[in-house]
Amino acid sequence: MLVLSRKTQESVMVGGAGGTEHLLKVTVLEIRSGHVRLGFEADAGIAIHRSEVWEQIHADGQPDLPVPVPRAP
């Protein structure tokens, strides 16, 4: 497991196999009262789920359907 420290508005990039393109960008949006709000940016074809939702989808044998990721204005 990679453990990183990030401040508000700092991001982490997750790259593709070649390392030249990013598959996922995770940005710390807010830290308040022991809670961290994260923003996820990825292509529309990449499904993003909370772990408990992902586990339920796979336990039910459902396919991993893409979830639209809202684009910032």
PDB file of N, CA and C in Angstrom:
ATOM      1  N   MET A   1       0.848  -1.175   0.000  1.00  0.00           N
ATOM      2  CA  MET A   1       0.000   0.000   0.000  1.00  0.00           C
ATOM      3  C   MET A   1       0.892   1.236   0.000  1.00  0.00           C
ATOM      4  N   LEU A   2       0.580   2.150  -0.871  1.00  0.00           N
ATOM      5  CA  LEU A   2       1.254   3.442  -0.919  1.00  0.00           C
ATOM      6  C   LEU A   2       0.492   4.402  -0.015  1.00  0.00           C
ATOM      7  N   VAL A   3       1.189   5.062   0.896  1.00  0.00           N
ATOM      8  CA  VAL A   3       0.570   6.020   1.806  1.00  0.00           C
ATOM      9  C   VAL A   3       1.156   7.394   1.511  1.00  0.00           C
ATOM     10  N   LEU A   4       0.287   8.359   1.224  1.00  0.00           N
ATOM     11  CA  LEU A   4       0.714   9.709   0.890  1.00  0.00           C
ATOM     12  C   LEU A   4       0.010  10.714   1.782  1.00  0.00           C
ATOM     13  N   SER A   5       0.650  11.843   2.003  1.00  0.00           N
ATOM     14  CA  SER A   5       0.009  12.974   2.665  1.00  0.00           C
ATOM     15  C   SER A   5      -0.288  14.017   1.605  1.00  0.00           C
ATOM     16  N   ARG A   6      -1.486  14.572   1.621  1.00  0.00           N
ATOM     17  CA  ARG A   6      -1.888  15.605   0.679  1.00  0.00           C
ATOM     18  C   ARG A   6      -2.619  16.693   1.441  1.00  0.00           C
ATOM     19  N   LYS A   7      -2.473  17.912   0.997  1.00  0.00           N
ATOM     20  CA  LYS A   7      -3.210  19.038   1.553  1.00  0.00           C
ATOM     21  C   LYS A   7      -4.416  19.311   0.659  1.00  0.00           C
ATOM     22  N   THR A   8      -5.320  20.175   1.137  1.00  0.00           N
ATOM     23  CA  THR A   8      -6.480  20.546   0.344  1.00  0.00           C
ATOM     24  C   THR A   8      -6.043  21.082  -1.013  1.00  0.00           C
ATOM     25  N   GLN A   9      -6.726  20.657  -2.052  1.00  0.00           N
ATOM     26  CA  GLN A   9      -6.501  21.011  -3.458  1.00  0.00           C
ATOM     27  C   GLN A   9      -5.263  20.355  -4.061  1.00  0.00           C
ATOM     28  N   GLU A  10      -4.581  19.477  -3.340  1.00  0.00           N
ATOM     29  CA  GLU A  10      -3.485  18.696  -3.913  1.00  0.00           C
ATOM     30  C   GLU A  10      -4.057  17.390  -4.443  1.00  0.00           C
ATOM     31  N   SER A  11      -3.394  16.838  -5.461  1.00  0.00           N
ATOM     32  CA  SER A  11      -3.921  15.662  -6.155  1.00  0.00           C
ATOM     33  C   SER A  11      -2.903  14.536  -6.200  1.00  0.00           C
ATOM     34  N   VAL A  12      -3.407  13.367  -6.571  1.00  0.00           N
ATOM     35  CA  VAL A  12      -2.592  12.194  -6.850  1.00  0.00           C
ATOM     36  C   VAL A  12      -3.029  11.687  -8.211  1.00  0.00           C
ATOM     37  N   MET A  13      -2.066  11.382  -9.083  1.00  0.00           N
ATOM     38  CA  MET A  13      -2.363  10.861 -10.413  1.00  0.00           C
ATOM     39  C   MET A  13      -2.050   9.369 -10.442  1.00  0.00           C
ATOM     40  N   VAL A  14      -2.957   8.590 -11.002  1.00  0.00           N
ATOM     41  CA  VAL A  14      -2.749   7.163 -11.194  1.00  0.00           C
ATOM     42  C   VAL A  14      -2.583   6.953 -12.683  1.00  0.00           C
ATOM     43  N   GLY A  15      -1.426   6.413 -13.092  1.00  0.00           N
ATOM     44  CA  GLY A  15      -1.087   6.326 -14.506  1.00  0.00           C
ATOM     45  C   GLY A  15      -1.435   5.014 -15.157  1.00  0.00           C
ATOM     46  N   GLY A  16      -1.406   5.062 -16.492  1.00  0.00           N
ATOM     47  CA  GLY A  16      -1.627   3.871 -17.294  1.00  0.00           C
ATOM     48  C   GLY A  16      -0.351   3.040 -17.361  1.00  0.00           C
ATOM     49  N   ALA A  17      -0.397   1.982 -18.131  1.00  0.00           N
ATOM     50  CA  ALA A  17       0.731   1.058 -18.221  1.00  0.00           C
ATOM     51  C   ALA A  17       1.994   1.735 -18.734  1.00  0.00           C
ATOM     52  N   GLY A  18       1.850   2.670 -19.680  1.00  0.00           N
ATOM     53  CA  GLY A  18       3.017   3.348 -20.236  1.00  0.00           C
ATOM     54  C   GLY A  18       3.529   4.468 -19.357  1.00  0.00           C
ATOM     55  N   GLY A  19       2.721   4.899 -18.386  1.00  0.00           N
ATOM     56  CA  GLY A  19       3.124   5.946 -17.481  1.00  0.00           C
ATOM     57  C   GLY A  19       3.023   7.349 -18.056  1.00  0.00           C
ATOM     58  N   THR A  20       2.566   7.478 -19.313  1.00  0.00           N
ATOM     59  CA  THR A  20       2.489   8.800 -19.931  1.00  0.00           C
ATOM     60  C   THR A  20       1.092   9.406 -19.878  1.00  0.00           C
ATOM     61  N   GLU A  21       0.093   8.592 -19.603  1.00  0.00           N
ATOM     62  CA  GLU A  21      -1.271   9.109 -19.515  1.00  0.00           C
ATOM     63  C   GLU A  21      -1.843   8.732 -18.156  1.00  0.00           C
ATOM     64  N   HIS A  22      -2.702   9.582 -17.626  1.00  0.00           N
ATOM     65  CA  HIS A  22      -3.292   9.242 -16.338  1.00  0.00           C
ATOM     66  C   HIS A  22      -4.655   8.595 -16.536  1.00  0.00           C
ATOM     67  N   LEU A  23      -4.940   7.633 -15.692  1.00  0.00           N
ATOM     68  CA  LEU A  23      -6.230   6.952 -15.721  1.00  0.00           C
ATOM     69  C   LEU A  23      -7.171   7.557 -14.697  1.00  0.00           C
ATOM     70  N   LEU A  24      -6.605   8.097 -13.627  1.00  0.00           N
ATOM     71  CA  LEU A  24      -7.415   8.588 -12.527  1.00  0.00           C
ATOM     72  C   LEU A  24      -6.684   9.723 -11.828  1.00  0.00           C
ATOM     73  N   LYS A  25      -7.414  10.783 -11.519  1.00  0.00           N
ATOM     74  CA  LYS A  25      -6.887  11.891 -10.733  1.00  0.00           C
ATOM     75  C   LYS A  25      -7.750  12.004  -9.488  1.00  0.00           C
ATOM     76  N   VAL A  26      -7.116  11.947  -8.311  1.00  0.00           N
ATOM     77  CA  VAL A  26      -7.813  12.063  -7.037  1.00  0.00           C
ATOM     78  C   VAL A  26      -7.336  13.350  -6.377  1.00  0.00           C
ATOM     79  N   THR A  27      -8.279  14.239  -6.036  1.00  0.00           N
ATOM     80  CA  THR A  27      -7.958  15.528  -5.434  1.00  0.00           C
ATOM     81  C   THR A  27      -8.621  15.640  -4.071  1.00  0.00           C
ATOM     82  N   VAL A  28      -7.854  16.104  -3.081  1.00  0.00           N
ATOM     83  CA  VAL A  28      -8.412  16.379  -1.754  1.00  0.00           C
ATOM     84  C   VAL A  28      -9.174  17.693  -1.868  1.00  0.00           C
ATOM     85  N   LEU A  29     -10.487  17.645  -1.686  1.00  0.00           N
ATOM     86  CA  LEU A  29     -11.324  18.833  -1.805  1.00  0.00           C
ATOM     87  C   LEU A  29     -11.481  19.558  -0.483  1.00  0.00           C
ATOM     88  N   GLU A  30     -11.602  18.789   0.603  1.00  0.00           N
ATOM     89  CA  GLU A  30     -11.867  19.414   1.897  1.00  0.00           C
ATOM     90  C   GLU A  30     -11.473  18.458   3.011  1.00  0.00           C
ATOM     91  N   ILE A  31     -10.942  19.015   4.086  1.00  0.00           N
ATOM     92  CA  ILE A  31     -10.649  18.255   5.299  1.00  0.00           C
ATOM     93  C   ILE A  31     -11.331  18.999   6.435  1.00  0.00           C
ATOM     94  N   ARG A  32     -12.293  18.322   7.097  1.00  0.00           N
ATOM     95  CA  ARG A  32     -13.045  18.995   8.157  1.00  0.00           C
ATOM     96  C   ARG A  32     -13.589  17.964   9.140  1.00  0.00           C
ATOM     97  N   SER A  33     -13.416  18.221  10.411  1.00  0.00           N
ATOM     98  CA  SER A  33     -13.983  17.391  11.481  1.00  0.00           C
ATOM     99  C   SER A  33     -13.662  15.905  11.307  1.00  0.00           C
ATOM    100  N   GLY A  34     -12.436  15.596  10.947  1.00  0.00           N
ATOM    101  CA  GLY A  34     -12.040  14.205  10.802  1.00  0.00           C
ATOM    102  C   GLY A  34     -12.526  13.535   9.536  1.00  0.00           C
ATOM    103  N   HIS A  35     -13.094  14.294   8.603  1.00  0.00           N
ATOM    104  CA  HIS A  35     -13.579  13.751   7.334  1.00  0.00           C
ATOM    105  C   HIS A  35     -12.808  14.380   6.182  1.00  0.00           C
ATOM    106  N   VAL A  36     -12.536  13.578   5.181  1.00  0.00           N
ATOM    107  CA  VAL A  36     -11.849  14.048   3.987  1.00  0.00           C
ATOM    108  C   VAL A  36     -12.792  13.893   2.805  1.00  0.00           C
ATOM    109  N   ARG A  37     -12.979  14.955   2.027  1.00  0.00           N
ATOM    110  CA  ARG A  37     -13.771  14.882   0.797  1.00  0.00           C
ATOM    111  C   ARG A  37     -12.791  14.774  -0.362  1.00  0.00           C
ATOM    112  N   LEU A  38     -12.984  13.760  -1.190  1.00  0.00           N
ATOM    113  CA  LEU A  38     -12.117  13.511  -2.332  1.00  0.00           C
ATOM    114  C   LEU A  38     -12.895  13.693  -3.621  1.00  0.00           C
ATOM    115  N   GLY A  39     -12.228  14.215  -4.641  1.00  0.00           N
ATOM    116  CA  GLY A  39     -12.802  14.318  -5.975  1.00  0.00           C
ATOM    117  C   GLY A  39     -12.063  13.368  -6.905  1.00  0.00           C
ATOM    118  N   PHE A  40     -12.794  12.650  -7.735  1.00  0.00           N
ATOM    119  CA  PHE A  40     -12.212  11.676  -8.657  1.00  0.00           C
ATOM    120  C   PHE A  40     -12.502  12.098 -10.085  1.00  0.00           C
ATOM    121  N   GLU A  41     -11.470  12.133 -10.913  1.00  0.00           N
ATOM    122  CA  GLU A  41     -11.628  12.450 -12.332  1.00  0.00           C
ATOM    123  C   GLU A  41     -11.054  11.299 -13.153  1.00  0.00           C
ATOM    124  N   ALA A  42     -11.863  10.779 -14.072  1.00  0.00           N
ATOM    125  CA  ALA A  42     -11.444   9.685 -14.937  1.00  0.00           C
ATOM    126  C   ALA A  42     -12.278   9.740 -16.210  1.00  0.00           C
ATOM    127  N   ASP A  43     -11.822   9.029 -17.231  1.00  0.00           N
ATOM    128  CA  ASP A  43     -12.611   8.932 -18.454  1.00  0.00           C
ATOM    129  C   ASP A  43     -13.958   8.296 -18.142  1.00  0.00           C
ATOM    130  N   ALA A  44     -14.957   8.617 -18.937  1.00  0.00           N
ATOM    131  CA  ALA A  44     -16.316   8.119 -18.712  1.00  0.00           C
ATOM    132  C   ALA A  44     -16.381   6.592 -18.727  1.00  0.00           C
ATOM    133  N   GLY A  45     -15.468   5.929 -19.393  1.00  0.00           N
ATOM    134  CA  GLY A  45     -15.473   4.473 -19.480  1.00  0.00           C
ATOM    135  C   GLY A  45     -14.894   3.772 -18.263  1.00  0.00           C
ATOM    136  N   ILE A  46     -14.406   4.527 -17.289  1.00  0.00           N
ATOM    137  CA  ILE A  46     -13.828   3.943 -16.083  1.00  0.00           C
ATOM    138  C   ILE A  46     -14.843   4.070 -14.948  1.00  0.00           C
ATOM    139  N   ALA A  47     -15.268   2.924 -14.420  1.00  0.00           N
ATOM    140  CA  ALA A  47     -16.240   2.925 -13.327  1.00  0.00           C
ATOM    141  C   ALA A  47     -15.537   3.298 -12.020  1.00  0.00           C
ATOM    142  N   ILE A  48     -16.188   4.133 -11.219  1.00  0.00           N
ATOM    143  CA  ILE A  48     -15.672   4.533  -9.914  1.00  0.00           C
ATOM    144  C   ILE A  48     -16.768   4.267  -8.893  1.00  0.00           C
ATOM    145  N   HIS A  49     -16.461   3.434  -7.886  1.00  0.00           N
ATOM    146  CA  HIS A  49     -17.438   3.068  -6.860  1.00  0.00           C
ATOM    147  C   HIS A  49     -16.795   3.128  -5.478  1.00  0.00           C
ATOM    148  N   ARG A  50     -17.589   3.391  -4.455  1.00  0.00           N
ATOM    149  CA  ARG A  50     -17.135   3.180  -3.081  1.00  0.00           C
ATOM    150  C   ARG A  50     -16.899   1.679  -2.923  1.00  0.00           C
ATOM    151  N   SER A  51     -15.982   1.288  -2.039  1.00  0.00           N
ATOM    152  CA  SER A  51     -15.619  -0.128  -1.918  1.00  0.00           C
ATOM    153  C   SER A  51     -16.816  -1.018  -1.572  1.00  0.00           C
ATOM    154  N   GLU A  52     -17.720  -0.530  -0.698  1.00  0.00           N
ATOM    155  CA  GLU A  52     -18.864  -1.369  -0.324  1.00  0.00           C
ATOM    156  C   GLU A  52     -19.819  -1.565  -1.496  1.00  0.00           C
ATOM    157  N   VAL A  53     -19.941  -0.586  -2.381  1.00  0.00           N
ATOM    158  CA  VAL A  53     -20.774  -0.721  -3.578  1.00  0.00           C
ATOM    159  C   VAL A  53     -20.112  -1.683  -4.559  1.00  0.00           C
ATOM    160  N   TRP A  54     -18.807  -1.548  -4.751  1.00  0.00           N
ATOM    161  CA  TRP A  54     -18.062  -2.429  -5.652  1.00  0.00           C
ATOM    162  C   TRP A  54     -18.180  -3.882  -5.198  1.00  0.00           C
ATOM    163  N   GLU A  55     -18.021  -4.102  -3.881  1.00  0.00           N
ATOM    164  CA  GLU A  55     -18.129  -5.464  -3.351  1.00  0.00           C
ATOM    165  C   GLU A  55     -19.519  -6.037  -3.586  1.00  0.00           C
ATOM    166  N   GLN A  56     -20.568  -5.226  -3.426  1.00  0.00           N
ATOM    167  CA  GLN A  56     -21.929  -5.695  -3.654  1.00  0.00           C
ATOM    168  C   GLN A  56     -22.166  -6.021  -5.121  1.00  0.00           C
ATOM    169  N   ILE A  57     -21.668  -5.175  -6.007  1.00  0.00           N
ATOM    170  CA  ILE A  57     -21.803  -5.424  -7.447  1.00  0.00           C
ATOM    171  C   ILE A  57     -21.170  -6.753  -7.817  1.00  0.00           C
ATOM    172  N   HIS A  58     -19.963  -6.989  -7.316  1.00  0.00           N
ATOM    173  CA  HIS A  58     -19.254  -8.211  -7.676  1.00  0.00           C
ATOM    174  C   HIS A  58     -19.798  -9.432  -6.954  1.00  0.00           C
ATOM    175  N   ALA A  59     -20.366  -9.255  -5.774  1.00  0.00           N
ATOM    176  CA  ALA A  59     -20.992 -10.376  -5.073  1.00  0.00           C
ATOM    177  C   ALA A  59     -22.252 -10.831  -5.803  1.00  0.00           C
ATOM    178  N   ASP A  60     -22.962  -9.880  -6.416  1.00  0.00           N
ATOM    179  CA  ASP A  60     -24.175 -10.184  -7.173  1.00  0.00           C
ATOM    180  C   ASP A  60     -23.878 -10.688  -8.575  1.00  0.00           C
ATOM    181  N   GLY A  61     -22.613 -10.649  -8.988  1.00  0.00           N
ATOM    182  CA  GLY A  61     -22.240 -11.097 -10.319  1.00  0.00           C
ATOM    183  C   GLY A  61     -22.628 -10.131 -11.418  1.00  0.00           C
ATOM    184  N   GLN A  62     -22.888  -8.878 -11.065  1.00  0.00           N
ATOM    185  CA  GLN A  62     -23.251  -7.873 -12.068  1.00  0.00           C
ATOM    186  C   GLN A  62     -22.000  -7.380 -12.780  1.00  0.00           C
ATOM    187  N   PRO A  63     -22.121  -7.010 -14.046  1.00  0.00           N
ATOM    188  CA  PRO A  63     -20.973  -6.450 -14.751  1.00  0.00           C
ATOM    189  C   PRO A  63     -20.631  -5.071 -14.201  1.00  0.00           C
ATOM    190  N   ASP A  64     -19.378  -4.690 -14.318  1.00  0.00           N
ATOM    191  CA  ASP A  64     -18.902  -3.391 -13.844  1.00  0.00           C
ATOM    192  C   ASP A  64     -19.206  -2.344 -14.908  1.00  0.00           C
ATOM    193  N   LEU A  65     -20.404  -1.741 -14.821  1.00  0.00           N
ATOM    194  CA  LEU A  65     -20.832  -0.761 -15.808  1.00  0.00           C
ATOM    195  C   LEU A  65     -20.178   0.591 -15.551  1.00  0.00           C
ATOM    196  N   PRO A  66     -19.811   1.313 -16.604  1.00  0.00           N
ATOM    197  CA  PRO A  66     -19.226   2.638 -16.388  1.00  0.00           C
ATOM    198  C   PRO A  66     -20.227   3.602 -15.767  1.00  0.00           C
ATOM    199  N   VAL A  67     -19.732   4.442 -14.873  1.00  0.00           N
ATOM    200  CA  VAL A  67     -20.538   5.467 -14.235  1.00  0.00           C
ATOM    201  C   VAL A  67     -20.072   6.808 -14.752  1.00  0.00           C
ATOM    202  N   PRO A  68     -20.960   7.637 -15.294  1.00  0.00           N
ATOM    203  CA  PRO A  68     -20.524   8.936 -15.808  1.00  0.00           C
ATOM    204  C   PRO A  68     -19.881   9.770 -14.714  1.00  0.00           C
ATOM    205  N   VAL A  69     -18.755  10.386 -15.047  1.00  0.00           N
ATOM    206  CA  VAL A  69     -18.058  11.257 -14.102  1.00  0.00           C
ATOM    207  C   VAL A  69     -18.358  12.690 -14.500  1.00  0.00           C
ATOM    208  N   PRO A  70     -18.965  13.463 -13.583  1.00  0.00           N
ATOM    209  CA  PRO A  70     -19.276  14.857 -13.938  1.00  0.00           C
ATOM    210  C   PRO A  70     -18.015  15.649 -14.255  1.00  0.00           C
ATOM    211  N   ARG A  71     -18.104  16.478 -15.231  1.00  0.00           N
ATOM    212  CA  ARG A  71     -16.968  17.313 -15.645  1.00  0.00           C
ATOM    213  C   ARG A  71     -17.102  18.677 -14.994  1.00  0.00           C
ATOM    214  N   ALA A  72     -15.976  19.195 -14.526  1.00  0.00           N
ATOM    215  CA  ALA A  72     -15.978  20.536 -13.920  1.00  0.00           C
ATOM    216  C   ALA A  72     -16.215  21.575 -14.996  1.00  0.00           C
ATOM    217  N   PRO A  73     -16.971  22.654 -14.651  1.00  0.00           N
ATOM    218  CA  PRO A  73     -17.239  23.704 -15.652  1.00  0.00           C
ATOM    219  C   PRO A  73     -15.990  24.503 -15.978  1.00  0.00           C
TER     220      PRO A  73
END
